[in-house]
Amino acid sequence: MATIMIVGATRGIGLELVRQYAAQGDDVIACARDIGAAELLDEVAAANDNVGIERLDVAEPDLVTAAAERIGAVAIDTVIIVAGVVGGRHQSIDDLDVDAWHQALNANTIGPILVARAFKQNLVASGAGNLMILSSQLAASTWPFGGMYIYSTTKAAVGKAAKILSIDWKDDPIIVSVMHPGYVQTDMGGPNAEITPEESASGIKNVIASLSPEDSGNFYKWNGDNHPW
């Protein structure tokens, strides 16, 4: 049995990760930005006594710190950061919402690294910790389409930050990785996307289970393939 922390657990991939880890008997710390509007997560927690809910908003540093203080020094084997934002509809060079860009930078880039810092010692205490940050294929320089300045750049930046983190933590028992979860049937991907949240979450779990220290710093696809940066 492991302890798993899912940041961004109220819906979609995050909620499905909570379900799947709970079903296999792991203790799950499910983090939500607004615990008063997490009805689906509440249902999962009510049905599984190994699921606990914590308030954590990656875009609010004080709330990251407060969550770390509440959770304390418990060993955490895996932290998966799902939380993020698209950044709005105005993402072309000629129609760019600069305020939304700043907000997305806080949520997609800075926030995950603050979470990593806040829970480093919990991962170290595991002795074999995994930190995975969900990103997107749009973050890769190999993505062959334009547009989506806000989402693409903030997700690209967190990938670089995770790579730096893997180097800075190379002597710690923590594997750092970045994940493209697939084109998933969520609120963001829409109903016509390629795979279901169940397929994505299952793939993510399989990738994490297969990682070794030599894999730290890599960018993966949900099916286990390495994603070209």
Protein backbone atom coordinates (compact mmCIF):
# COMPACT_ATOMS: atom_id res chain seq x y z
CA MET A 1 0.00 0.00 0.00
CA ALA A 2 1.29 3.45 -0.96
CA THR A 3 0.32 7.01 -0.17
CA ILE A 4 -0.64 9.00 -3.26
CA MET A 5 -1.31 12.73 -3.46
CA ILE A 6 -3.39 14.02 -6.38
CA VAL A 7 -3.36 17.79 -6.84
CA GLY A 8 -6.40 18.80 -8.88
CA ALA A 9 -8.70 15.93 -7.99
CA THR A 10 -12.23 17.25 -8.46
CA ARG A 11 -12.92 16.07 -12.00
CA GLY A 12 -11.54 14.50 -15.16
CA ILE A 13 -8.16 12.80 -15.00
CA GLY A 14 -7.48 13.83 -11.41
CA LEU A 15 -10.75 12.39 -10.13
CA GLU A 16 -10.20 9.18 -12.06
CA LEU A 17 -6.70 8.83 -10.60
CA VAL A 18 -8.24 9.12 -7.14
CA ARG A 19 -10.74 6.39 -8.00
CA GLN A 20 -8.13 4.02 -9.41
CA TYR A 21 -5.56 4.42 -6.67
CA ALA A 22 -8.23 4.08 -4.00
CA ALA A 23 -9.58 0.95 -5.67
CA GLN A 24 -6.19 -0.75 -5.45
CA GLY A 25 -6.00 0.01 -1.74
CA ASP A 26 -3.65 2.99 -1.64
CA ASP A 27 -4.15 5.90 0.73
CA VAL A 28 -5.07 8.94 -1.35
CA ILE A 29 -4.71 12.61 -0.43
CA ALA A 30 -7.06 14.31 -2.90
CA CYS A 31 -6.43 18.03 -3.22
CA ALA A 32 -9.07 20.45 -4.47
CA ARG A 33 -8.97 24.18 -5.11
CA ASP A 34 -12.51 24.61 -3.82
CA ILE A 35 -13.58 21.86 -1.45
CA GLY A 36 -17.05 23.39 -1.30
CA ALA A 37 -17.60 22.62 -4.99
CA ALA A 38 -16.23 19.10 -5.20
CA GLU A 39 -19.38 16.99 -5.23
CA LEU A 40 -17.96 14.14 -7.34
CA LEU A 41 -14.84 13.95 -5.20
CA ASP A 42 -17.00 13.98 -2.07
CA GLU A 43 -18.85 10.95 -3.41
CA VAL A 44 -15.60 9.06 -4.00
CA ALA A 45 -14.32 9.94 -0.54
CA ALA A 46 -17.59 8.88 1.07
CA ALA A 47 -17.32 5.48 -0.61
CA ASN A 48 -13.64 4.95 0.24
CA ASP A 49 -12.26 5.43 3.74
CA ASN A 50 -8.73 5.56 2.27
CA VAL A 51 -9.45 8.90 0.52
CA GLY A 52 -8.98 12.19 2.34
CA ILE A 53 -9.66 15.63 0.89
CA GLU A 54 -7.41 18.67 1.38
CA ARG A 55 -7.77 22.23 0.15
CA LEU A 56 -4.88 23.25 -2.10
CA ASP A 57 -4.85 25.85 -4.87
CA VAL A 58 -1.60 25.74 -6.86
CA ALA A 59 -2.06 29.37 -7.88
CA GLU A 60 -2.11 30.54 -4.24
CA PRO A 61 1.29 30.07 -2.51
CA ASP A 62 -0.20 30.57 0.96
CA LEU A 63 -2.66 27.72 0.36
CA VAL A 64 0.15 25.43 -0.80
CA THR A 65 2.05 26.18 2.41
CA ALA A 66 -1.07 25.73 4.55
CA ALA A 67 -1.80 22.34 2.98
CA ALA A 68 1.76 21.18 3.61
CA GLU A 69 1.47 22.24 7.26
CA ARG A 70 -1.81 20.36 7.72
CA ILE A 71 -0.54 17.20 6.04
CA GLY A 72 2.66 17.28 8.05
CA ALA A 73 5.63 14.94 7.77
CA VAL A 74 3.79 11.85 6.51
CA ALA A 75 5.69 9.93 3.83
CA ILE A 76 4.14 10.38 0.38
CA ASP A 77 5.16 7.94 -2.32
CA THR A 78 3.72 9.76 -5.33
CA VAL A 79 2.59 13.32 -5.99
CA ILE A 80 0.74 13.85 -9.28
CA ILE A 81 0.00 17.46 -10.18
CA VAL A 82 -2.99 17.55 -12.51
CA ALA A 83 -4.24 21.04 -11.70
CA GLY A 84 -3.91 23.71 -14.36
CA VAL A 85 -5.80 26.17 -16.52
CA VAL A 86 -6.25 26.68 -20.24
CA GLY A 87 -5.79 30.44 -20.02
CA GLY A 88 -8.96 31.59 -21.73
CA ARG A 89 -10.04 31.92 -25.35
CA HIS A 90 -7.92 34.92 -26.33
CA GLN A 91 -4.65 33.21 -27.19
CA SER A 92 -3.71 34.40 -30.67
CA ILE A 93 -0.96 36.95 -31.21
CA ASP A 94 -3.51 39.53 -32.34
CA ASP A 95 -6.01 38.84 -29.56
CA LEU A 96 -4.00 38.06 -26.47
CA ASP A 97 -5.26 38.32 -22.89
CA VAL A 98 -2.12 39.34 -21.00
CA ASP A 99 -3.80 39.17 -17.59
CA ALA A 100 -4.89 35.61 -18.31
CA TRP A 101 -1.31 34.81 -19.32
CA HIS A 102 -0.04 35.94 -15.92
CA GLN A 103 -2.74 33.91 -14.17
CA ALA A 104 -1.89 30.83 -16.21
CA LEU A 105 1.79 31.24 -15.38
CA ASN A 106 0.91 31.10 -11.69
CA ALA A 107 -1.29 28.02 -12.09
CA ASN A 108 0.58 26.04 -14.75
CA THR A 109 4.24 26.87 -14.11
CA ILE A 110 4.98 28.44 -10.75
CA GLY A 111 2.35 26.58 -8.73
CA PRO A 112 3.52 23.03 -9.50
CA ILE A 113 7.08 23.92 -8.52
CA LEU A 114 5.87 25.43 -5.26
CA VAL A 115 4.00 22.19 -4.58
CA ALA A 116 7.16 20.23 -5.34
CA ARG A 117 9.15 22.34 -2.89
CA ALA A 118 6.49 22.15 -0.19
CA PHE A 119 6.24 18.35 -0.32
CA LYS A 120 9.85 17.43 -1.06
CA GLN A 121 10.51 16.05 2.40
CA ASN A 122 7.37 13.93 2.23
CA LEU A 123 8.67 12.36 -0.97
CA VAL A 124 12.13 11.90 0.52
CA ALA A 125 10.56 10.16 3.53
CA SER A 126 9.07 7.61 1.14
CA GLY A 127 12.55 6.51 0.11
CA ALA A 128 11.36 6.12 -3.48
CA GLY A 129 9.25 9.16 -4.29
CA ASN A 130 7.66 10.07 -7.59
CA LEU A 131 6.73 13.60 -8.61
CA MET A 132 4.79 13.79 -11.87
CA ILE A 133 3.50 17.02 -13.44
CA LEU A 134 0.86 16.78 -16.14
CA SER A 135 1.66 18.90 -19.16
CA SER A 136 0.59 18.64 -22.81
CA GLN A 137 1.88 17.79 -26.25
CA LEU A 138 1.33 21.49 -27.03
CA ALA A 139 4.27 22.23 -24.71
CA ALA A 140 6.76 20.46 -26.96
CA SER A 141 8.80 22.41 -29.51
CA THR A 142 7.86 19.58 -31.91
CA TRP A 143 4.15 20.57 -31.81
CA PRO A 144 3.52 21.59 -35.45
CA PHE A 145 0.72 24.13 -34.96
CA GLY A 146 0.60 27.78 -33.93
CA GLY A 147 -1.70 29.65 -31.58
CA MET A 148 -2.48 28.84 -27.94
CA TYR A 149 0.31 31.12 -26.72
CA ILE A 150 -0.80 31.11 -23.09
CA TYR A 151 -1.40 27.41 -22.59
CA SER A 152 1.53 26.21 -24.68
CA THR A 153 4.16 28.48 -23.16
CA THR A 154 3.14 27.99 -19.54
CA LYS A 155 3.10 24.21 -19.99
CA ALA A 156 6.44 24.32 -21.80
CA ALA A 157 7.89 26.35 -18.94
CA VAL A 158 6.82 23.85 -16.29
CA GLY A 159 8.45 21.09 -18.32
CA LYS A 160 11.75 22.96 -18.24
CA ALA A 161 11.31 23.68 -14.53
CA ALA A 162 10.73 19.97 -13.88
CA LYS A 163 13.86 19.12 -15.85
CA ILE A 164 15.86 21.53 -13.68
CA LEU A 165 14.27 20.01 -10.59
CA SER A 166 15.34 16.52 -11.66
CA ILE A 167 18.92 17.77 -11.82
CA ASP A 168 18.77 19.65 -8.52
CA TRP A 169 17.27 16.58 -6.82
CA LYS A 170 19.49 13.96 -8.46
CA ASP A 171 20.93 12.93 -5.10
CA ASP A 172 17.48 12.64 -3.49
CA PRO A 173 15.26 9.54 -3.73
CA ILE A 174 12.74 11.30 -5.98
CA ILE A 175 11.94 10.67 -9.64
CA VAL A 176 10.64 13.79 -11.42
CA SER A 177 8.69 13.36 -14.64
CA VAL A 178 6.36 15.23 -16.98
CA MET A 179 3.33 13.64 -18.63
CA HIS A 180 1.25 14.28 -21.72
CA PRO A 181 -1.97 12.58 -20.58
CA GLY A 182 -3.37 12.20 -24.08
CA TYR A 183 -6.19 13.99 -25.84
CA VAL A 184 -8.77 13.16 -23.19
CA GLN A 185 -12.57 13.42 -23.02
CA THR A 186 -12.65 16.04 -20.26
CA ASP A 187 -14.08 19.54 -19.98
CA MET A 188 -10.91 20.74 -21.71
CA GLY A 189 -10.66 18.06 -24.39
CA GLY A 190 -14.36 17.80 -25.16
CA PRO A 191 -16.52 14.73 -25.80
CA ASN A 192 -14.89 13.88 -29.13
CA ALA A 193 -11.35 13.54 -27.79
CA GLU A 194 -9.40 10.36 -28.45
CA ILE A 195 -9.35 8.60 -25.06
CA THR A 196 -11.37 8.46 -21.86
CA PRO A 197 -10.22 9.68 -18.44
CA GLU A 198 -10.16 6.04 -17.37
CA GLU A 199 -7.70 5.14 -20.13
CA SER A 200 -5.54 8.18 -19.43
CA ALA A 201 -5.40 7.60 -15.67
CA SER A 202 -4.62 3.92 -16.10
CA GLY A 203 -1.79 4.75 -18.47
CA ILE A 204 -0.38 7.38 -16.12
CA LYS A 205 -0.42 4.89 -13.24
CA ASN A 206 1.39 2.30 -15.35
CA VAL A 207 4.07 4.78 -16.35
CA ILE A 208 4.70 5.84 -12.77
CA ALA A 209 4.94 2.22 -11.65
CA SER A 210 7.57 1.53 -14.32
CA LEU A 211 9.89 4.46 -13.59
CA SER A 212 13.40 4.11 -12.21
CA PRO A 213 15.81 6.82 -11.01
CA GLU A 214 17.48 6.87 -14.43
CA ASP A 215 14.17 8.09 -15.90
CA SER A 216 14.07 11.28 -13.85
CA GLY A 217 13.61 14.39 -15.98
CA ASN A 218 11.85 12.63 -18.86
CA PHE A 219 8.67 13.67 -20.68
CA TYR A 220 6.23 10.81 -21.30
CA LYS A 221 3.05 10.07 -23.17
CA TRP A 222 0.22 8.36 -21.30
CA ASN A 223 0.97 5.10 -23.16
CA GLY A 224 4.54 4.98 -21.87
CA ASP A 225 6.32 6.34 -24.93
CA ASN A 226 8.88 9.08 -24.49
CA HIS A 227 7.55 12.36 -25.81
CA PRO A 228 9.96 14.41 -27.95
CA TRP A 229 10.53 17.80 -26.37
